[in-house]
Protein backbone atom coordinates (compact mmCIF):
# COMPACT_ATOMS: atom_id res chain seq x y z
CA UNK A 1 124.01 88.26 97.48
CA UNK A 2 120.89 87.54 99.25
CA UNK A 3 118.01 85.28 97.58
CA UNK A 4 114.68 86.68 98.85
CA UNK A 5 111.17 84.91 98.10
CA UNK A 6 108.57 86.98 96.79
CA UNK A 7 106.27 85.77 99.68
CA UNK A 8 107.85 87.86 102.51
CA UNK A 9 106.48 90.91 101.28
CA UNK A 10 102.94 89.47 101.66
CA UNK A 11 103.23 86.95 105.40
CA UNK A 12 105.43 86.69 108.31
CA UNK A 13 107.42 83.73 108.34
CA UNK A 14 110.15 82.27 110.81
CA UNK A 15 113.04 80.13 109.31
CA UNK A 16 116.36 78.44 111.07
CA UNK A 17 117.83 79.50 107.94
CA UNK A 18 117.87 83.68 107.67
CA UNK A 19 116.19 86.17 108.79
CA UNK A 20 115.97 89.08 106.16
CA UNK A 21 115.61 92.71 107.66
CA UNK A 22 114.68 95.42 105.07
CA UNK A 23 113.87 99.04 106.50
CA UNK A 24 115.29 101.38 104.00
CA UNK A 25 112.83 104.00 102.55
CA UNK A 26 115.49 104.08 99.63
CA UNK A 27 117.31 100.96 97.84
CA UNK A 28 120.48 102.13 95.79
CA UNK A 29 120.66 98.89 94.18
CA UNK A 30 119.31 96.88 92.03
CA UNK A 31 118.33 93.31 93.37
CA UNK A 32 116.31 90.88 91.65
CA UNK A 33 116.65 87.30 93.08
CA UNK A 34 115.27 84.00 92.83
CA UNK A 35 114.60 81.27 95.35
CA UNK A 36 114.49 77.42 95.30
CA UNK A 37 110.47 77.43 95.35
CA UNK A 38 111.35 79.58 92.10
CA UNK A 39 109.35 82.93 93.97
CA UNK A 40 110.88 86.19 92.59
CA UNK A 41 111.07 89.71 93.65
CA UNK A 42 112.86 92.84 92.19
CA UNK A 43 113.52 95.50 94.44
CA UNK A 44 114.94 98.47 92.34
CA UNK A 45 116.23 101.98 92.55
CA UNK A 46 114.12 104.44 95.05
CA UNK A 47 112.20 101.58 96.20
CA UNK A 48 109.57 102.92 98.89
CA UNK A 49 109.50 99.25 100.50
CA UNK A 50 109.32 99.41 104.19
CA UNK A 51 109.10 96.20 105.86
CA UNK A 52 110.58 93.64 108.36
CA UNK A 53 109.76 89.90 107.45
CA UNK A 54 111.07 86.90 107.74
CA UNK A 55 111.19 83.84 104.70
CA UNK A 56 111.48 80.37 105.43
CA UNK A 57 112.14 79.92 101.58
CA UNK A 58 115.28 82.37 101.80
CA UNK A 59 118.77 81.09 100.83
CA UNK A 60 122.16 82.21 101.01
CA UNK A 61 123.83 82.99 97.34
CA UNK A 62 125.84 80.11 98.02
CA UNK A 63 122.99 77.49 96.95
CA UNK A 64 123.51 76.24 93.74
CA UNK A 65 119.92 75.08 93.53
CA UNK A 66 118.50 78.81 93.23
CA UNK A 67 120.93 81.09 90.86
CA UNK A 68 120.91 84.36 90.80
CA UNK A 69 119.01 85.33 87.63
CA UNK A 70 119.96 88.76 85.65
CA UNK A 71 117.77 92.15 87.17
CA UNK A 72 114.55 91.88 84.99
CA UNK A 73 113.24 95.54 86.09
CA UNK A 74 115.31 97.61 83.47
CA UNK A 75 113.95 95.43 80.64
CA UNK A 76 110.17 95.36 81.85
CA UNK A 77 110.46 99.20 82.11
CA UNK A 78 111.78 99.35 78.52
CA UNK A 79 109.64 96.96 77.32
CA UNK A 80 106.36 98.18 78.89
CA UNK A 81 104.57 101.52 79.25
CA UNK A 82 102.25 101.67 82.22
CA UNK A 83 98.97 103.08 81.40
CA UNK A 84 96.51 102.07 84.44
CA UNK A 85 96.39 99.60 87.23
CA UNK A 86 95.77 95.95 86.06
CA UNK A 87 92.50 94.31 87.39
CA UNK A 88 93.86 91.28 89.03
CA UNK A 89 90.45 89.61 89.80
CA UNK A 90 89.06 87.31 87.08
CA UNK A 91 85.76 87.35 88.64
CA UNK A 92 85.49 83.43 88.30
CA UNK A 93 87.78 82.39 91.00
CA UNK A 94 87.88 78.68 92.27
CA UNK A 95 89.36 77.49 95.52
CA UNK A 96 90.32 73.74 95.82
CA UNK A 97 90.52 72.20 99.26
CA UNK A 98 92.73 68.93 99.35
CA UNK A 99 95.71 68.49 96.79
CA UNK A 100 95.34 64.43 96.69
CA UNK A 101 94.18 62.41 93.89
CA UNK A 102 90.57 63.78 93.87
CA UNK A 103 91.14 67.39 94.38
CA UNK A 104 93.90 67.50 91.64
CA UNK A 105 91.62 65.43 89.28
CA UNK A 106 89.19 68.48 89.63
CA UNK A 107 91.39 71.05 89.79
CA UNK A 108 92.70 69.71 86.28
CA UNK A 109 89.18 69.22 84.70
CA UNK A 110 88.44 73.02 85.68
CA UNK A 111 91.68 74.34 84.17
CA UNK A 112 91.69 71.98 81.01
CA UNK A 113 88.36 72.95 80.11
CA UNK A 114 88.71 76.69 80.82
CA UNK A 115 85.96 76.76 83.25
CA UNK A 116 87.99 78.95 85.43
CA UNK A 117 91.28 80.96 85.02
CA UNK A 118 91.93 81.38 88.56
CA UNK A 119 92.35 78.43 90.61
CA UNK A 120 93.56 78.38 94.45
CA UNK A 121 94.77 75.04 96.02
CA UNK A 122 94.88 74.52 99.81
CA UNK A 123 96.19 71.37 101.36
CA UNK A 124 97.93 70.87 105.32
CA UNK A 125 100.80 69.44 103.31
CA UNK A 126 102.86 71.81 102.29
CA UNK A 127 105.43 70.06 99.86
CA UNK A 128 102.77 68.08 98.11
CA UNK A 129 101.12 71.33 97.68
CA UNK A 130 103.76 73.18 95.96
CA UNK A 131 104.74 70.52 94.09
CA UNK A 132 101.43 70.27 92.54
CA UNK A 133 101.17 74.51 91.83
CA UNK A 134 104.22 74.32 90.20
CA UNK A 135 103.32 71.13 87.81
CA UNK A 136 100.49 73.03 86.76
CA UNK A 137 102.07 76.15 86.75
CA UNK A 138 104.56 74.71 84.33
CA UNK A 139 101.68 74.15 81.81
CA UNK A 140 100.04 77.62 82.15
CA UNK A 141 100.78 78.29 78.80
CA UNK A 142 98.32 75.52 77.50
CA UNK A 143 95.65 76.27 80.02
CA UNK A 144 94.62 79.88 78.82
CA UNK A 145 97.38 81.33 80.74
CA UNK A 146 95.35 80.41 84.20
CA UNK A 147 96.52 81.82 87.59
CA UNK A 148 97.15 79.11 89.97
CA UNK A 149 98.15 79.90 93.36
CA UNK A 150 98.40 77.59 96.31
CA UNK A 151 99.17 78.12 99.94
CA UNK A 152 98.53 76.18 103.54
CA UNK A 153 96.87 79.48 104.79
CA UNK A 154 93.13 80.00 103.74
CA UNK A 155 93.80 83.75 103.16
CA UNK A 156 94.79 82.46 99.36
CA UNK A 157 90.84 81.48 98.99
CA UNK A 158 89.96 85.34 99.21
CA UNK A 159 86.91 86.00 96.78
CA UNK A 160 86.12 82.65 95.48
CA UNK A 161 82.90 82.36 93.57
CA UNK A 162 83.33 78.61 94.54
CA UNK A 163 84.80 76.46 96.94
CA UNK A 164 85.40 72.60 96.35
CA UNK A 165 86.09 70.57 99.42
CA UNK A 166 87.85 67.28 98.54
CA UNK A 167 89.90 67.08 101.78
CA UNK A 168 89.23 64.08 104.40
CA UNK A 169 90.59 61.10 105.83
CA UNK A 170 90.62 57.50 104.62
CA UNK A 171 88.75 55.01 106.23
CA UNK A 172 90.96 52.69 108.50
CA UNK A 173 90.54 48.99 108.52
CA UNK A 174 87.95 47.55 110.93
CA UNK A 175 86.77 51.32 111.63
CA UNK A 176 82.85 52.16 111.75
CA UNK A 177 81.24 54.23 109.02
CA UNK A 178 80.28 56.38 111.99
CA UNK A 179 83.85 57.13 113.12
CA UNK A 180 85.09 57.71 109.62
CA UNK A 181 81.99 60.35 109.53
CA UNK A 182 83.13 61.83 112.68
CA UNK A 183 86.68 62.53 112.05
CA UNK A 184 85.84 64.25 108.48
CA UNK A 185 83.31 66.32 110.37
CA UNK A 186 86.46 67.04 112.54
CA UNK A 187 88.04 68.07 109.23
CA UNK A 188 85.43 70.37 107.92
CA UNK A 189 85.20 71.83 111.57
CA UNK A 190 88.55 73.62 110.38
CA UNK A 191 87.87 74.22 106.93
CA UNK A 192 84.53 75.68 106.61
CA UNK A 193 84.57 78.24 108.46
CA UNK A 194 87.65 79.86 107.23
CA UNK A 195 86.54 79.24 103.72
CA UNK A 196 83.30 81.26 104.24
CA UNK A 197 85.20 84.16 106.08
CA UNK A 198 87.47 84.77 102.80
CA UNK A 199 84.53 84.49 100.97
CA UNK A 200 81.40 84.77 102.54
CA UNK A 201 79.28 84.92 98.79
CA UNK A 202 80.63 81.83 98.00
CA UNK A 203 79.15 78.37 96.67
CA UNK A 204 80.14 75.61 98.71
CA UNK A 205 80.68 72.45 96.92
CA UNK A 206 81.31 69.37 99.22
CA UNK A 207 82.98 66.05 97.30
CA UNK A 208 84.32 64.29 100.50
CA UNK A 209 82.77 61.29 101.55
CA UNK A 210 80.08 60.51 103.21
CA UNK A 211 79.04 63.61 101.03
CA UNK A 212 75.40 63.71 101.69
CA UNK A 213 76.27 63.83 105.63
CA UNK A 214 79.46 65.77 105.25
CA UNK A 215 77.07 68.26 103.04
CA UNK A 216 74.82 68.54 105.73
CA UNK A 217 77.65 69.07 108.40
CA UNK A 218 78.89 72.04 106.11
CA UNK A 219 75.81 73.65 105.83
CA UNK A 220 75.32 73.60 109.36
CA UNK A 221 78.75 74.92 109.87
CA UNK A 222 78.65 77.52 107.52
CA UNK A 223 75.45 79.28 108.29
CA UNK A 224 75.14 79.52 104.67
CA UNK A 225 71.55 79.47 102.90
CA UNK A 226 70.62 76.19 101.45
CA UNK A 227 71.25 77.11 97.76
CA UNK A 228 74.59 77.85 98.06
CA UNK A 229 75.64 74.51 99.88
CA UNK A 230 75.65 71.51 97.94
CA UNK A 231 77.37 68.25 97.30
CA UNK A 232 78.67 66.26 94.36
CA UNK A 233 76.28 63.79 95.08
CA UNK A 234 75.03 61.29 92.14
CA UNK A 235 75.79 63.51 89.29
CA UNK A 236 78.64 60.97 88.82
CA UNK A 237 75.98 58.09 89.46
CA UNK A 238 73.76 59.41 86.71
CA UNK A 239 76.85 59.69 84.31
CA UNK A 240 77.96 56.11 85.03
CA UNK A 241 74.33 54.63 84.84
CA UNK A 242 73.75 56.24 81.40
CA UNK A 243 77.44 55.02 80.63
CA UNK A 244 75.91 51.50 81.34
CA UNK A 245 73.13 52.21 79.42
CA UNK A 246 75.14 53.36 76.09
CA UNK A 247 76.78 49.87 75.99
CA UNK A 248 73.78 47.71 76.32
CA UNK A 249 71.91 50.10 73.52
CA UNK A 250 75.01 50.74 71.41
CA UNK A 251 74.05 54.32 71.54
CA UNK A 252 76.04 57.78 72.78
CA UNK A 253 75.89 58.35 76.69
CA UNK A 254 74.22 61.77 75.91
CA UNK A 255 71.34 60.15 74.14
CA UNK A 256 70.61 57.96 77.13
CA UNK A 257 68.30 59.81 80.06
CA UNK A 258 68.03 58.21 83.21
CA UNK A 259 68.74 59.81 86.82
CA UNK A 260 70.19 58.12 89.84
CA UNK A 261 68.86 59.79 93.08
CA UNK A 262 69.05 59.60 97.29
CA UNK A 263 72.24 58.81 98.79
CA UNK A 264 75.47 58.87 96.81
CA UNK A 265 76.14 55.10 98.14
CA UNK A 266 74.38 51.56 98.50
CA UNK A 267 71.09 52.69 99.01
CA UNK A 268 70.66 54.96 95.74
CA UNK A 269 67.74 55.03 93.88
CA UNK A 270 67.48 54.24 90.22
CA UNK A 271 64.49 56.05 88.53
CA UNK A 272 63.61 53.37 86.48
CA UNK A 273 59.89 54.87 85.53
CA UNK A 274 61.85 57.89 84.11
CA UNK A 275 64.72 55.87 82.00
CA UNK A 276 64.22 56.85 78.38
CA UNK A 277 65.82 57.31 74.64
CA UNK A 278 64.21 60.16 72.63
CA UNK A 279 61.44 60.61 74.51
CA UNK A 280 60.06 56.68 74.34
CA UNK A 281 59.82 55.23 78.07
CA UNK A 282 61.69 51.89 78.18
CA UNK A 283 59.18 50.73 80.87
CA UNK A 284 56.48 51.06 78.05
CA UNK A 285 58.63 48.61 76.01
CA UNK A 286 59.58 46.45 79.08
CA UNK A 287 57.32 46.69 81.74
CA UNK A 288 59.49 44.76 84.38
CA UNK A 289 62.35 47.05 83.59
CA UNK A 290 64.87 47.15 86.40
CA UNK A 291 62.68 44.46 88.80
CA UNK A 292 63.99 41.00 89.58
CA UNK A 293 61.71 39.70 87.15
CA UNK A 294 63.20 41.81 83.95
CA UNK A 295 64.43 39.26 81.15
CA UNK A 296 66.86 41.29 80.38
CA UNK A 297 68.62 42.01 83.79
CA UNK A 298 68.64 45.78 83.48
CA UNK A 299 69.02 46.06 87.30
CA UNK A 300 72.39 45.07 86.97
CA UNK A 301 72.92 48.48 85.65
CA UNK A 302 72.36 49.96 88.95
CA UNK A 303 74.21 47.06 90.86
CA UNK A 304 77.58 47.89 88.44
CA UNK A 305 76.68 51.93 89.35
CA UNK A 306 76.90 51.27 93.08
CA UNK A 307 79.82 48.98 93.24
CA UNK A 308 82.07 51.00 90.29
CA UNK A 309 83.92 52.76 92.79
CA UNK A 310 85.07 49.51 94.48
CA UNK A 311 86.26 48.10 91.65
CA UNK A 312 87.92 50.92 90.34
CA UNK A 313 89.74 51.20 94.02
CA UNK A 314 90.57 47.67 93.67
CA UNK A 315 92.28 47.90 90.16
CA UNK A 316 93.94 51.15 90.79
CA UNK A 317 94.02 52.01 93.97
CA UNK A 318 91.77 55.17 94.19
CA UNK A 319 89.16 57.01 92.02
CA UNK A 320 89.99 60.41 90.60
CA UNK A 321 88.82 60.93 86.88
CA UNK A 322 85.09 60.56 86.68
CA UNK A 323 84.58 62.60 89.88
CA UNK A 324 86.59 64.83 88.87
CA UNK A 325 85.10 65.46 85.42
CA UNK A 326 81.74 65.19 87.47
CA UNK A 327 82.90 68.13 89.63
CA UNK A 328 83.92 69.96 86.93
CA UNK A 329 80.79 69.86 85.07
CA UNK A 330 78.92 70.83 88.30
CA UNK A 331 81.33 74.04 88.39
CA UNK A 332 80.88 74.93 84.59
CA UNK A 333 77.17 74.94 85.64
CA UNK A 334 77.56 77.19 88.20
CA UNK A 335 80.14 79.64 87.07
CA UNK A 336 78.75 79.63 83.68
CA UNK A 337 75.29 80.07 85.12
CA UNK A 338 74.10 77.71 82.48
CA UNK A 339 70.64 76.32 84.36
CA UNK A 340 71.31 73.06 83.70
CA UNK A 341 69.99 70.18 85.40
CA UNK A 342 72.22 68.17 87.62
CA UNK A 343 71.35 65.50 90.38
CA UNK A 344 73.45 66.92 93.78
CA UNK A 345 73.21 66.59 96.96
CA UNK A 346 70.99 69.11 98.57
CA UNK A 347 68.53 69.55 101.43
CA UNK A 348 65.27 67.51 101.16
CA UNK A 349 63.48 68.04 103.96
CA UNK A 350 59.49 68.25 103.23
CA UNK A 351 60.21 66.58 99.60
CA UNK A 352 58.65 63.48 98.70
CA UNK A 353 57.36 62.99 101.90
CA UNK A 354 60.92 62.99 103.79
CA UNK A 355 60.49 64.47 107.29
CA UNK A 356 63.83 64.08 108.03
CA UNK A 357 66.45 67.32 108.12
CA UNK A 358 69.13 65.38 105.56
CA UNK A 359 70.78 66.05 102.26
CA UNK A 360 69.89 63.59 99.32
CA UNK A 361 70.57 63.87 95.57
CA UNK A 362 67.62 65.26 93.48
CA UNK A 363 67.90 66.89 89.72
CA UNK A 364 68.41 70.44 90.34
CA UNK A 365 68.77 73.42 88.41
CA UNK A 366 72.02 74.83 89.01
CA UNK A 367 73.56 78.56 88.51
CA UNK A 368 75.14 81.44 89.97
CA UNK A 369 73.44 81.44 93.11
CA UNK A 370 73.73 77.65 93.51
CA UNK A 371 70.59 75.75 93.43
CA UNK A 372 67.75 77.64 92.30
CA UNK A 373 65.17 75.12 91.67
CA UNK A 374 64.47 71.20 92.53
CA UNK A 375 62.79 69.07 89.93
CA UNK A 376 59.36 67.85 91.22
CA UNK A 377 60.22 64.35 89.67
CA UNK A 378 56.75 62.07 89.33
CA UNK A 379 58.27 58.83 91.39
CA UNK A 380 56.58 55.26 91.60
CA UNK A 381 55.47 54.49 94.91
CA UNK A 382 58.69 51.69 94.90
CA UNK A 383 60.89 54.52 94.40
CA UNK A 384 59.51 56.98 97.05
CA UNK A 385 59.63 54.12 99.28
CA UNK A 386 63.62 53.80 98.53
CA UNK A 387 64.04 57.13 98.62
CA UNK A 388 62.43 57.52 102.21
CA UNK A 389 65.04 54.29 103.17
CA UNK A 390 67.84 56.28 102.09
CA UNK A 391 66.92 59.38 103.68
CA UNK A 392 66.31 57.13 107.04
CA UNK A 393 69.81 55.31 106.90
CA UNK A 394 71.53 58.97 106.37
CA UNK A 395 69.73 60.26 109.33
CA UNK A 396 70.66 57.41 111.53
CA UNK A 397 74.18 58.28 111.28
CA UNK A 398 74.12 61.97 111.02
CA UNK A 399 72.15 61.75 114.14
CA UNK A 400 75.14 60.72 116.05
CA UNK A 401 77.28 63.47 115.10
CA UNK A 402 79.29 65.58 117.57
CA UNK A 403 79.72 68.69 116.06
């Protein structure tokens, strides 16, 4: 007997192991097979299948790693009475590009919080990709029976409401920031057009760093309107800021209100003028809040926010859970059309006196159409100056990008 992978009826593959040829109008034997990749297909009596394909996962029956299993067609036919075709589209499909630590943390957060029951994973490293898919699939009972698919081909993303891009290259030793940016631009050039081609109505959520510049690049490459291309931005920075506030005050992070805007990076801007608890503005209590003259040294909170990623990387080698939960939070706002306000990277030209065509984080309202509104924060002159400086720093690097 030959073991046949289900994927052979979906796509043409080439292999050095075995070529499968099926050109039968009627197949008079029951054939149910399973491969080492755990894909299965049942070919039953009077099947009208007519195809000629090759499967790279096909193996001979002597392969002990992929034993033949009993035909399930009899059981299924006896168990179920067909009434109408099943609707396989969930309407809440999310694609995650990149199955590194960040990408999988995003997928895990989305699945465990039941934000989507239809997730597609894409990566260029096939073995790692299939391993991650199987690992999640085996826990599908605990994930609201979510449909989890994976492929190196972008067709798996077809019909996605949200596409999350975490794929990118890591910075080399002594590599300039511009060189890193250009290499990641080249990565996006292979990703963005394909995602939009298969899901023209999608919203793009860019996570790859430097996120503000790459969100601008994704917007340019995609041809999508600006409301449907956003970056993860300072949503996580703002969360870190509120956590540190909560530690200092001894109250829950949800009851601490403060925003980090601008670049997701060293030039980010803490909006000290708006920091409050239960409508009580902390600068009214301490006018020097956030300044170098502050006796309580609140400015250390912002320094810890900007250094957090470096500290985590030093301790565990990478960041994952924080950004994964942050992205899941954004995905929930978009798919569930919550109208919640989040600090994400958006096109800011013309706002707060910014003349450069750049993407920076500002508080926005998120929903099923992406960004519907940008909050007009009342910033102090110092905060405005810092935001404009952040825009200039982004533009300096961005101006040298080669598309």
